[in-house]
Amino acid sequence: MKFRLKHFYILSFIILISSCSSENNIDKDEEKPTISINYNEGFPQGCAVLKRGETYSFRAKVTDNKALAAYSIDIHHNFDHHTHDDQVAECSLGDIKQSINPFIFIENYSIDEEVISYEINIAITIPNDIDTGDYHCAYSVTDKTGWQSRTSVDIKIEE
């Protein structure tokens, strides 16, 4: 009996150790998706000036090594001169001011196909009755495993 029990413990220990092995055959996704507006049709570029009442095609290219899942566009005022950690261009800003009727656009979209490359192309009309001034346009993309990337640019909205 002791001999069998000893072998049972040894076998259990071996199974436990092998199940905790660091070598895993699961293909893990450890890469974030990418976003780029730095191409001819990418919009808006940093420091772009948009006009109230006009419609613009907001465009960005997103890619991932496995599969894309969703993206979002966020346009919000920058009247307090806050920054986002991924902004590269420095634009001249107007005076700090209080918002009265700021333009706020936040929409989420899903990417239904199993693709690794996608071009965001969303038509957005800037309302005629919103506050003019400094704004941010932020893009966000998420892949199927939950990795997320963001990028944002300073823009201005004028009369």
N, C-alpha and C. Protein backbone atom coordinates (compact mmCIF):
# COMPACT_ATOMS: atom_id res chain seq x y z
N MET A 1 0.82 -1.20 0.00
CA MET A 1 0.00 0.00 0.00
C MET A 1 0.86 1.26 0.00
N LYS A 2 1.93 1.26 0.83
CA LYS A 2 2.81 2.43 0.88
C LYS A 2 3.46 2.66 -0.47
N PHE A 3 3.82 1.57 -1.14
CA PHE A 3 4.46 1.68 -2.45
C PHE A 3 3.52 2.34 -3.46
N ARG A 4 2.28 1.96 -3.50
CA ARG A 4 1.30 2.55 -4.42
C ARG A 4 1.02 4.01 -4.07
N LEU A 5 0.88 4.31 -2.81
CA LEU A 5 0.63 5.67 -2.37
C LEU A 5 1.80 6.58 -2.74
N LYS A 6 3.02 6.07 -2.55
CA LYS A 6 4.21 6.84 -2.90
C LYS A 6 4.22 7.13 -4.41
N HIS A 7 3.92 6.15 -5.24
CA HIS A 7 3.87 6.35 -6.69
C HIS A 7 2.75 7.32 -7.09
N PHE A 8 1.63 7.22 -6.38
CA PHE A 8 0.51 8.13 -6.64
C PHE A 8 0.94 9.58 -6.38
N TYR A 9 1.63 9.83 -5.29
CA TYR A 9 2.09 11.18 -4.97
C TYR A 9 3.12 11.67 -5.98
N ILE A 10 4.02 10.80 -6.37
CA ILE A 10 5.04 11.18 -7.36
C ILE A 10 4.38 11.49 -8.69
N LEU A 11 3.44 10.66 -9.14
CA LEU A 11 2.73 10.89 -10.40
C LEU A 11 1.93 12.19 -10.34
N SER A 12 1.26 12.43 -9.23
CA SER A 12 0.50 13.67 -9.05
C SER A 12 1.41 14.90 -9.11
N PHE A 13 2.58 14.78 -8.48
CA PHE A 13 3.54 15.89 -8.49
C PHE A 13 4.03 16.16 -9.92
N ILE A 14 4.32 15.12 -10.68
CA ILE A 14 4.78 15.28 -12.06
C ILE A 14 3.69 15.93 -12.92
N ILE A 15 2.46 15.51 -12.76
CA ILE A 15 1.35 16.11 -13.51
C ILE A 15 1.20 17.58 -13.14
N LEU A 16 1.29 17.88 -11.86
CA LEU A 16 1.17 19.27 -11.41
C LEU A 16 2.27 20.14 -12.01
N ILE A 17 3.50 19.69 -11.97
CA ILE A 17 4.63 20.45 -12.51
C ILE A 17 4.49 20.64 -14.02
N SER A 18 4.10 19.60 -14.72
CA SER A 18 3.99 19.72 -16.18
C SER A 18 2.84 20.62 -16.60
N SER A 19 1.79 20.67 -15.80
CA SER A 19 0.67 21.56 -16.15
C SER A 19 1.00 23.02 -15.89
N CYS A 20 1.99 23.29 -15.09
CA CYS A 20 2.42 24.65 -14.80
C CYS A 20 3.60 25.08 -15.64
N SER A 21 3.89 24.37 -16.66
CA SER A 21 5.04 24.67 -17.51
C SER A 21 4.91 26.04 -18.14
N SER A 22 6.02 26.73 -18.28
CA SER A 22 6.00 28.07 -18.88
C SER A 22 5.88 28.01 -20.39
N GLU A 23 6.20 26.87 -20.99
CA GLU A 23 6.06 26.74 -22.43
C GLU A 23 4.62 26.37 -22.72
N ASN A 24 3.95 27.27 -23.38
CA ASN A 24 2.54 27.08 -23.66
C ASN A 24 2.35 27.15 -25.16
N ASN A 25 1.62 26.24 -25.71
CA ASN A 25 1.40 26.23 -27.15
C ASN A 25 0.32 27.21 -27.58
N ILE A 26 -0.28 27.91 -26.65
CA ILE A 26 -1.31 28.89 -27.00
C ILE A 26 -0.64 30.10 -27.65
N ASP A 27 -1.18 30.52 -28.78
CA ASP A 27 -0.63 31.66 -29.52
C ASP A 27 -1.16 32.94 -28.90
N LYS A 28 -0.41 33.52 -27.99
CA LYS A 28 -0.84 34.72 -27.28
C LYS A 28 -0.63 35.96 -28.13
N ASP A 29 -1.57 36.88 -28.03
CA ASP A 29 -1.45 38.17 -28.70
C ASP A 29 -0.88 39.15 -27.69
N GLU A 30 0.34 39.58 -27.91
CA GLU A 30 0.98 40.51 -27.00
C GLU A 30 1.30 41.84 -27.66
N GLU A 31 0.64 42.13 -28.80
CA GLU A 31 0.87 43.38 -29.53
C GLU A 31 -0.38 44.24 -29.54
N LYS A 32 -0.18 45.52 -29.27
CA LYS A 32 -1.27 46.48 -29.37
C LYS A 32 -1.55 46.80 -30.84
N PRO A 33 -2.77 47.17 -31.16
CA PRO A 33 -3.05 47.63 -32.52
C PRO A 33 -2.41 49.00 -32.74
N THR A 34 -2.34 49.43 -33.99
CA THR A 34 -1.76 50.74 -34.30
C THR A 34 -2.79 51.63 -34.98
N ILE A 35 -2.59 52.93 -34.84
CA ILE A 35 -3.44 53.95 -35.48
C ILE A 35 -2.53 54.92 -36.18
N SER A 36 -2.89 55.31 -37.41
CA SER A 36 -2.12 56.33 -38.11
C SER A 36 -3.04 57.28 -38.85
N ILE A 37 -2.76 58.56 -38.68
CA ILE A 37 -3.41 59.59 -39.51
C ILE A 37 -2.36 60.24 -40.39
N ASN A 38 -1.13 59.75 -40.31
CA ASN A 38 -0.01 60.33 -41.05
C ASN A 38 0.10 59.72 -42.45
N TYR A 39 -0.92 59.99 -43.27
CA TYR A 39 -0.91 59.63 -44.68
C TYR A 39 -1.77 60.66 -45.41
N ASN A 40 -1.74 60.67 -46.73
CA ASN A 40 -2.39 61.74 -47.50
C ASN A 40 -3.85 61.98 -47.14
N GLU A 41 -4.63 60.91 -46.98
CA GLU A 41 -6.06 61.07 -46.69
C GLU A 41 -6.36 61.11 -45.20
N GLY A 42 -5.38 60.90 -44.34
CA GLY A 42 -5.61 60.92 -42.89
C GLY A 42 -6.12 62.28 -42.45
N PHE A 43 -7.17 62.28 -41.60
CA PHE A 43 -7.79 63.55 -41.20
C PHE A 43 -8.40 63.40 -39.82
N PRO A 44 -8.24 64.42 -39.00
CA PRO A 44 -7.51 65.66 -39.24
C PRO A 44 -6.04 65.51 -38.87
N GLN A 45 -5.22 66.26 -39.53
CA GLN A 45 -3.82 66.35 -39.16
C GLN A 45 -3.71 67.35 -38.00
N GLY A 46 -2.60 67.31 -37.29
CA GLY A 46 -2.40 68.22 -36.16
C GLY A 46 -2.52 69.67 -36.60
N CYS A 47 -3.20 70.48 -35.80
CA CYS A 47 -3.39 71.92 -36.00
C CYS A 47 -4.35 72.25 -37.14
N ALA A 48 -5.12 71.27 -37.61
CA ALA A 48 -6.11 71.53 -38.67
C ALA A 48 -7.17 72.52 -38.18
N VAL A 49 -7.68 73.33 -39.11
CA VAL A 49 -8.74 74.29 -38.81
C VAL A 49 -10.01 73.82 -39.52
N LEU A 50 -11.06 73.60 -38.75
CA LEU A 50 -12.35 73.17 -39.27
C LEU A 50 -13.34 74.31 -39.15
N LYS A 51 -14.31 74.33 -40.03
CA LYS A 51 -15.32 75.40 -40.05
C LYS A 51 -16.66 74.86 -39.57
N ARG A 52 -17.36 75.67 -38.80
CA ARG A 52 -18.72 75.30 -38.38
C ARG A 52 -19.60 75.16 -39.62
N GLY A 53 -20.51 74.19 -39.57
CA GLY A 53 -21.44 73.96 -40.67
C GLY A 53 -20.88 73.08 -41.78
N GLU A 54 -19.60 72.76 -41.75
CA GLU A 54 -18.98 71.94 -42.79
C GLU A 54 -18.97 70.47 -42.36
N THR A 55 -18.96 69.59 -43.35
CA THR A 55 -18.86 68.16 -43.11
C THR A 55 -17.48 67.68 -43.52
N TYR A 56 -16.86 66.89 -42.66
CA TYR A 56 -15.50 66.39 -42.91
C TYR A 56 -15.48 64.87 -42.79
N SER A 57 -14.60 64.24 -43.56
CA SER A 57 -14.37 62.80 -43.45
C SER A 57 -13.20 62.57 -42.52
N PHE A 58 -13.49 62.07 -41.33
CA PHE A 58 -12.46 61.76 -40.35
C PHE A 58 -11.91 60.39 -40.70
N ARG A 59 -10.61 60.36 -41.03
CA ARG A 59 -10.00 59.13 -41.55
C ARG A 59 -8.71 58.79 -40.83
N ALA A 60 -8.58 57.50 -40.54
CA ALA A 60 -7.36 56.97 -39.92
C ALA A 60 -7.23 55.51 -40.31
N LYS A 61 -5.99 55.05 -40.41
CA LYS A 61 -5.73 53.64 -40.69
C LYS A 61 -5.40 52.94 -39.38
N VAL A 62 -6.05 51.80 -39.15
CA VAL A 62 -5.79 51.00 -37.96
C VAL A 62 -5.37 49.59 -38.40
N THR A 63 -4.41 49.02 -37.68
CA THR A 63 -3.93 47.67 -38.00
C THR A 63 -3.68 46.89 -36.72
N ASP A 64 -3.65 45.57 -36.87
CA ASP A 64 -3.34 44.69 -35.75
C ASP A 64 -2.71 43.41 -36.30
N ASN A 65 -1.95 42.73 -35.48
CA ASN A 65 -1.30 41.50 -35.92
C ASN A 65 -2.25 40.31 -35.95
N LYS A 66 -3.37 40.36 -35.24
CA LYS A 66 -4.33 39.24 -35.18
C LYS A 66 -5.68 39.62 -35.79
N ALA A 67 -6.45 40.46 -35.09
CA ALA A 67 -7.77 40.85 -35.58
C ALA A 67 -8.25 42.09 -34.84
N LEU A 68 -8.81 43.03 -35.58
CA LEU A 68 -9.36 44.25 -35.01
C LEU A 68 -10.79 44.00 -34.52
N ALA A 69 -11.21 44.76 -33.52
CA ALA A 69 -12.56 44.57 -32.97
C ALA A 69 -13.40 45.83 -33.02
N ALA A 70 -12.82 46.99 -32.65
CA ALA A 70 -13.63 48.20 -32.53
C ALA A 70 -12.75 49.45 -32.56
N TYR A 71 -13.40 50.59 -32.78
CA TYR A 71 -12.70 51.86 -32.70
C TYR A 71 -13.66 52.93 -32.21
N SER A 72 -13.12 54.05 -31.81
CA SER A 72 -13.95 55.17 -31.38
C SER A 72 -13.32 56.48 -31.84
N ILE A 73 -14.18 57.47 -31.95
CA ILE A 73 -13.75 58.84 -32.25
C ILE A 73 -14.30 59.72 -31.14
N ASP A 74 -13.44 60.58 -30.62
CA ASP A 74 -13.81 61.48 -29.52
C ASP A 74 -13.33 62.88 -29.89
N ILE A 75 -14.27 63.79 -30.07
CA ILE A 75 -13.93 65.20 -30.31
C ILE A 75 -14.47 65.98 -29.12
N HIS A 76 -13.59 66.71 -28.46
CA HIS A 76 -13.99 67.46 -27.27
C HIS A 76 -13.18 68.76 -27.20
N HIS A 77 -13.72 69.73 -26.46
CA HIS A 77 -13.06 71.03 -26.39
C HIS A 77 -11.78 70.97 -25.56
N ASN A 78 -10.90 71.89 -25.88
CA ASN A 78 -9.64 72.04 -25.14
C ASN A 78 -9.52 73.48 -24.66
N PHE A 79 -10.61 74.01 -24.17
CA PHE A 79 -10.61 75.41 -23.71
C PHE A 79 -9.77 75.61 -22.46
N ASP A 80 -9.45 74.51 -21.75
CA ASP A 80 -8.62 74.60 -20.54
C ASP A 80 -7.15 74.28 -20.83
N HIS A 81 -6.82 74.00 -22.09
CA HIS A 81 -5.45 73.71 -22.56
C HIS A 81 -4.86 72.43 -21.95
N HIS A 82 -5.71 71.43 -21.70
CA HIS A 82 -5.17 70.14 -21.24
C HIS A 82 -4.47 69.45 -22.40
N THR A 83 -3.67 68.45 -22.08
CA THR A 83 -2.95 67.71 -23.12
C THR A 83 -3.22 66.22 -22.97
N HIS A 84 -2.88 65.51 -24.02
CA HIS A 84 -2.92 64.05 -24.01
C HIS A 84 -1.50 63.57 -24.22
N ASP A 85 -1.13 62.48 -23.61
CA ASP A 85 0.27 62.05 -23.60
C ASP A 85 0.81 61.61 -24.96
N ASP A 86 -0.02 61.48 -25.96
CA ASP A 86 0.46 61.01 -27.26
C ASP A 86 0.49 62.10 -28.33
N GLN A 87 0.23 63.33 -27.95
CA GLN A 87 0.23 64.41 -28.93
C GLN A 87 1.66 64.76 -29.32
N VAL A 88 1.88 64.93 -30.63
CA VAL A 88 3.23 65.24 -31.09
C VAL A 88 3.34 66.67 -31.60
N ALA A 89 2.35 67.16 -32.27
CA ALA A 89 2.41 68.52 -32.80
C ALA A 89 2.01 69.53 -31.73
N GLU A 90 2.73 70.63 -31.68
CA GLU A 90 2.36 71.71 -30.77
C GLU A 90 1.70 72.80 -31.60
N CYS A 91 0.47 73.11 -31.27
CA CYS A 91 -0.29 74.11 -32.01
C CYS A 91 -0.46 75.35 -31.13
N SER A 92 -0.62 76.48 -31.78
CA SER A 92 -0.88 77.70 -31.00
C SER A 92 -2.32 77.62 -30.49
N LEU A 93 -2.47 77.93 -29.21
CA LEU A 93 -3.78 77.83 -28.57
C LEU A 93 -4.34 79.21 -28.30
N GLY A 94 -5.68 79.31 -28.35
CA GLY A 94 -6.34 80.55 -28.00
C GLY A 94 -6.33 80.74 -26.49
N ASP A 95 -6.98 81.76 -26.04
CA ASP A 95 -7.06 82.03 -24.61
C ASP A 95 -7.88 80.95 -23.90
N ILE A 96 -7.53 80.69 -22.65
CA ILE A 96 -8.33 79.78 -21.82
C ILE A 96 -9.70 80.43 -21.63
N LYS A 97 -10.76 79.62 -21.78
CA LYS A 97 -12.11 80.17 -21.65
C LYS A 97 -13.06 79.12 -21.11
N GLN A 98 -14.21 79.55 -20.67
CA GLN A 98 -15.27 78.66 -20.21
C GLN A 98 -16.11 78.24 -21.41
N SER A 99 -16.54 77.00 -21.40
CA SER A 99 -17.40 76.55 -22.49
C SER A 99 -18.84 76.93 -22.21
N ILE A 100 -19.53 77.30 -23.27
CA ILE A 100 -20.96 77.61 -23.18
C ILE A 100 -21.74 76.51 -23.91
N ASN A 101 -21.36 76.27 -25.15
CA ASN A 101 -21.99 75.23 -25.95
C ASN A 101 -20.91 74.50 -26.76
N PRO A 102 -20.08 73.70 -26.10
CA PRO A 102 -18.98 73.05 -26.81
C PRO A 102 -19.47 71.90 -27.68
N PHE A 103 -18.70 71.60 -28.70
CA PHE A 103 -18.97 70.44 -29.55
C PHE A 103 -18.37 69.22 -28.86
N ILE A 104 -19.19 68.22 -28.62
CA ILE A 104 -18.73 66.96 -28.04
C ILE A 104 -19.27 65.84 -28.92
N PHE A 105 -18.36 65.07 -29.48
CA PHE A 105 -18.72 63.94 -30.33
C PHE A 105 -17.96 62.73 -29.81
N ILE A 106 -18.67 61.74 -29.30
CA ILE A 106 -18.05 60.51 -28.82
C ILE A 106 -18.88 59.35 -29.35
N GLU A 107 -18.29 58.59 -30.25
CA GLU A 107 -19.00 57.44 -30.83
C GLU A 107 -18.08 56.23 -30.88
N ASN A 108 -18.66 55.07 -30.64
CA ASN A 108 -17.95 53.80 -30.72
C ASN A 108 -18.50 53.00 -31.89
N TYR A 109 -17.63 52.30 -32.58
CA TYR A 109 -18.00 51.51 -33.76
C TYR A 109 -17.34 50.14 -33.66
N SER A 110 -18.05 49.11 -34.12
CA SER A 110 -17.43 47.78 -34.14
C SER A 110 -16.94 47.47 -35.54
N ILE A 111 -15.93 46.62 -35.60
CA ILE A 111 -15.40 46.13 -36.87
C ILE A 111 -15.82 44.66 -36.93
N ASP A 112 -16.83 44.38 -37.74
CA ASP A 112 -17.43 43.05 -37.74
C ASP A 112 -16.60 41.99 -38.45
N GLU A 113 -15.88 42.37 -39.48
CA GLU A 113 -15.09 41.39 -40.21
C GLU A 113 -13.84 41.04 -39.41
N GLU A 114 -13.30 39.87 -39.67
CA GLU A 114 -12.03 39.44 -39.06
C GLU A 114 -10.90 40.01 -39.91
N VAL A 115 -10.54 41.26 -39.69
CA VAL A 115 -9.51 41.91 -40.50
C VAL A 115 -8.36 42.37 -39.63
N ILE A 116 -7.18 42.51 -40.25
CA ILE A 116 -6.03 43.03 -39.52
C ILE A 116 -5.71 44.47 -39.95
N SER A 117 -6.40 44.96 -40.97
CA SER A 117 -6.21 46.33 -41.45
C SER A 117 -7.57 46.91 -41.80
N TYR A 118 -7.77 48.18 -41.41
CA TYR A 118 -9.07 48.81 -41.62
C TYR A 118 -8.85 50.32 -41.72
N GLU A 119 -9.62 50.98 -42.59
CA GLU A 119 -9.57 52.44 -42.64
C GLU A 119 -10.85 53.01 -42.07
N ILE A 120 -10.69 53.77 -41.01
CA ILE A 120 -11.81 54.51 -40.43
C ILE A 120 -12.15 55.63 -41.41
N ASN A 121 -13.43 55.81 -41.70
CA ASN A 121 -13.87 56.89 -42.59
C ASN A 121 -15.28 57.27 -42.17
N ILE A 122 -15.37 58.27 -41.31
CA ILE A 122 -16.65 58.69 -40.74
C ILE A 122 -16.89 60.16 -41.09
N ALA A 123 -18.04 60.44 -41.70
CA ALA A 123 -18.42 61.82 -42.02
C ALA A 123 -19.03 62.47 -40.78
N ILE A 124 -18.48 63.61 -40.40
CA ILE A 124 -18.97 64.35 -39.23
C ILE A 124 -19.21 65.79 -39.64
N THR A 125 -20.40 66.28 -39.34
CA THR A 125 -20.74 67.68 -39.59
C THR A 125 -20.54 68.47 -38.31
N ILE A 126 -19.81 69.56 -38.43
CA ILE A 126 -19.57 70.46 -37.29
C ILE A 126 -20.80 71.37 -37.17
N PRO A 127 -21.51 71.32 -36.05
CA PRO A 127 -22.73 72.13 -35.91
C PRO A 127 -22.42 73.63 -35.99
N ASN A 128 -23.41 74.39 -36.45
CA ASN A 128 -23.26 75.85 -36.60
C ASN A 128 -23.30 76.59 -35.28
N ASP A 129 -23.90 76.01 -34.24
CA ASP A 129 -24.14 76.75 -33.00
C ASP A 129 -23.19 76.39 -31.86
N ILE A 130 -22.05 75.76 -32.16
CA ILE A 130 -21.13 75.35 -31.09
C ILE A 130 -20.07 76.43 -30.86
N ASP A 131 -19.43 76.35 -29.70
CA ASP A 131 -18.34 77.27 -29.37
C ASP A 131 -17.17 77.04 -30.33
N THR A 132 -16.59 78.13 -30.79
CA THR A 132 -15.37 78.03 -31.59
C THR A 132 -14.17 77.98 -30.65
N GLY A 133 -13.05 77.52 -31.17
CA GLY A 133 -11.83 77.50 -30.36
C GLY A 133 -11.06 76.21 -30.50
N ASP A 134 -10.30 75.90 -29.46
CA ASP A 134 -9.40 74.75 -29.45
C ASP A 134 -10.15 73.47 -29.08
N TYR A 135 -9.86 72.42 -29.84
CA TYR A 135 -10.48 71.10 -29.61
C TYR A 135 -9.43 70.02 -29.77
N HIS A 136 -9.77 68.83 -29.31
CA HIS A 136 -8.96 67.63 -29.55
C HIS A 136 -9.80 66.65 -30.35
N CYS A 137 -9.14 65.94 -31.24
CA CYS A 137 -9.74 64.81 -31.92
C CYS A 137 -8.93 63.58 -31.53
N ALA A 138 -9.58 62.62 -30.89
CA ALA A 138 -8.89 61.42 -30.41
C ALA A 138 -9.48 60.18 -31.07
N TYR A 139 -8.61 59.34 -31.57
CA TYR A 139 -8.99 58.03 -32.10
C TYR A 139 -8.52 56.96 -31.12
N SER A 140 -9.33 55.91 -31.00
CA SER A 140 -8.96 54.76 -30.18
C SER A 140 -9.31 53.51 -30.96
N VAL A 141 -8.48 52.47 -30.85
CA VAL A 141 -8.74 51.20 -31.53
C VAL A 141 -8.47 50.07 -30.55
N THR A 142 -9.32 49.02 -30.61
CA THR A 142 -9.19 47.85 -29.75
C THR A 142 -9.14 46.61 -30.62
N ASP A 143 -8.26 45.68 -30.26
CA ASP A 143 -8.22 44.43 -31.02
C ASP A 143 -9.08 43.37 -30.33
N LYS A 144 -9.21 42.21 -30.95
CA LYS A 144 -10.10 41.14 -30.45
C LYS A 144 -9.72 40.65 -29.07
N THR A 145 -8.44 40.76 -28.69
CA THR A 145 -8.03 40.28 -27.37
C THR A 145 -8.07 41.38 -26.31
N GLY A 146 -8.43 42.60 -26.69
CA GLY A 146 -8.60 43.67 -25.72
C GLY A 146 -7.49 44.71 -25.67
N TRP A 147 -6.41 44.51 -26.42
CA TRP A 147 -5.37 45.54 -26.47
C TRP A 147 -5.95 46.79 -27.10
N GLN A 148 -5.51 47.95 -26.61
CA GLN A 148 -6.04 49.22 -27.10
C GLN A 148 -4.91 50.21 -27.34
N SER A 149 -5.07 51.03 -28.37
CA SER A 149 -4.16 52.13 -28.65
C SER A 149 -4.98 53.39 -28.90
N ARG A 150 -4.34 54.54 -28.64
CA ARG A 150 -5.00 55.83 -28.83
C ARG A 150 -4.04 56.81 -29.47
N THR A 151 -4.62 57.77 -30.16
CA THR A 151 -3.84 58.90 -30.64
C THR A 151 -4.77 60.11 -30.69
N SER A 152 -4.22 61.28 -30.49
CA SER A 152 -5.05 62.49 -30.53
C SER A 152 -4.26 63.65 -31.12
N VAL A 153 -5.01 64.59 -31.69
CA VAL A 153 -4.41 65.78 -32.30
C VAL A 153 -5.19 67.01 -31.86
N ASP A 154 -4.48 68.14 -31.82
CA ASP A 154 -5.11 69.43 -31.60
C ASP A 154 -5.74 69.91 -32.89
N ILE A 155 -6.95 70.42 -32.80
CA ILE A 155 -7.61 71.05 -33.96
C ILE A 155 -8.27 72.34 -33.47
N LYS A 156 -8.66 73.17 -34.42
CA LYS A 156 -9.41 74.38 -34.11
C LYS A 156 -10.71 74.34 -34.88
N ILE A 157 -11.76 74.85 -34.26
CA ILE A 157 -13.03 75.03 -34.95
C ILE A 157 -13.30 76.52 -34.98
N GLU A 158 -13.52 77.05 -36.20
CA GLU A 158 -13.78 78.48 -36.40
C GLU A 158 -15.13 78.71 -37.05
N GLU A 159 -15.50 79.99 -37.14
CA GLU A 159 -16.78 80.40 -37.76
C GLU A 159 -16.91 79.86 -39.15
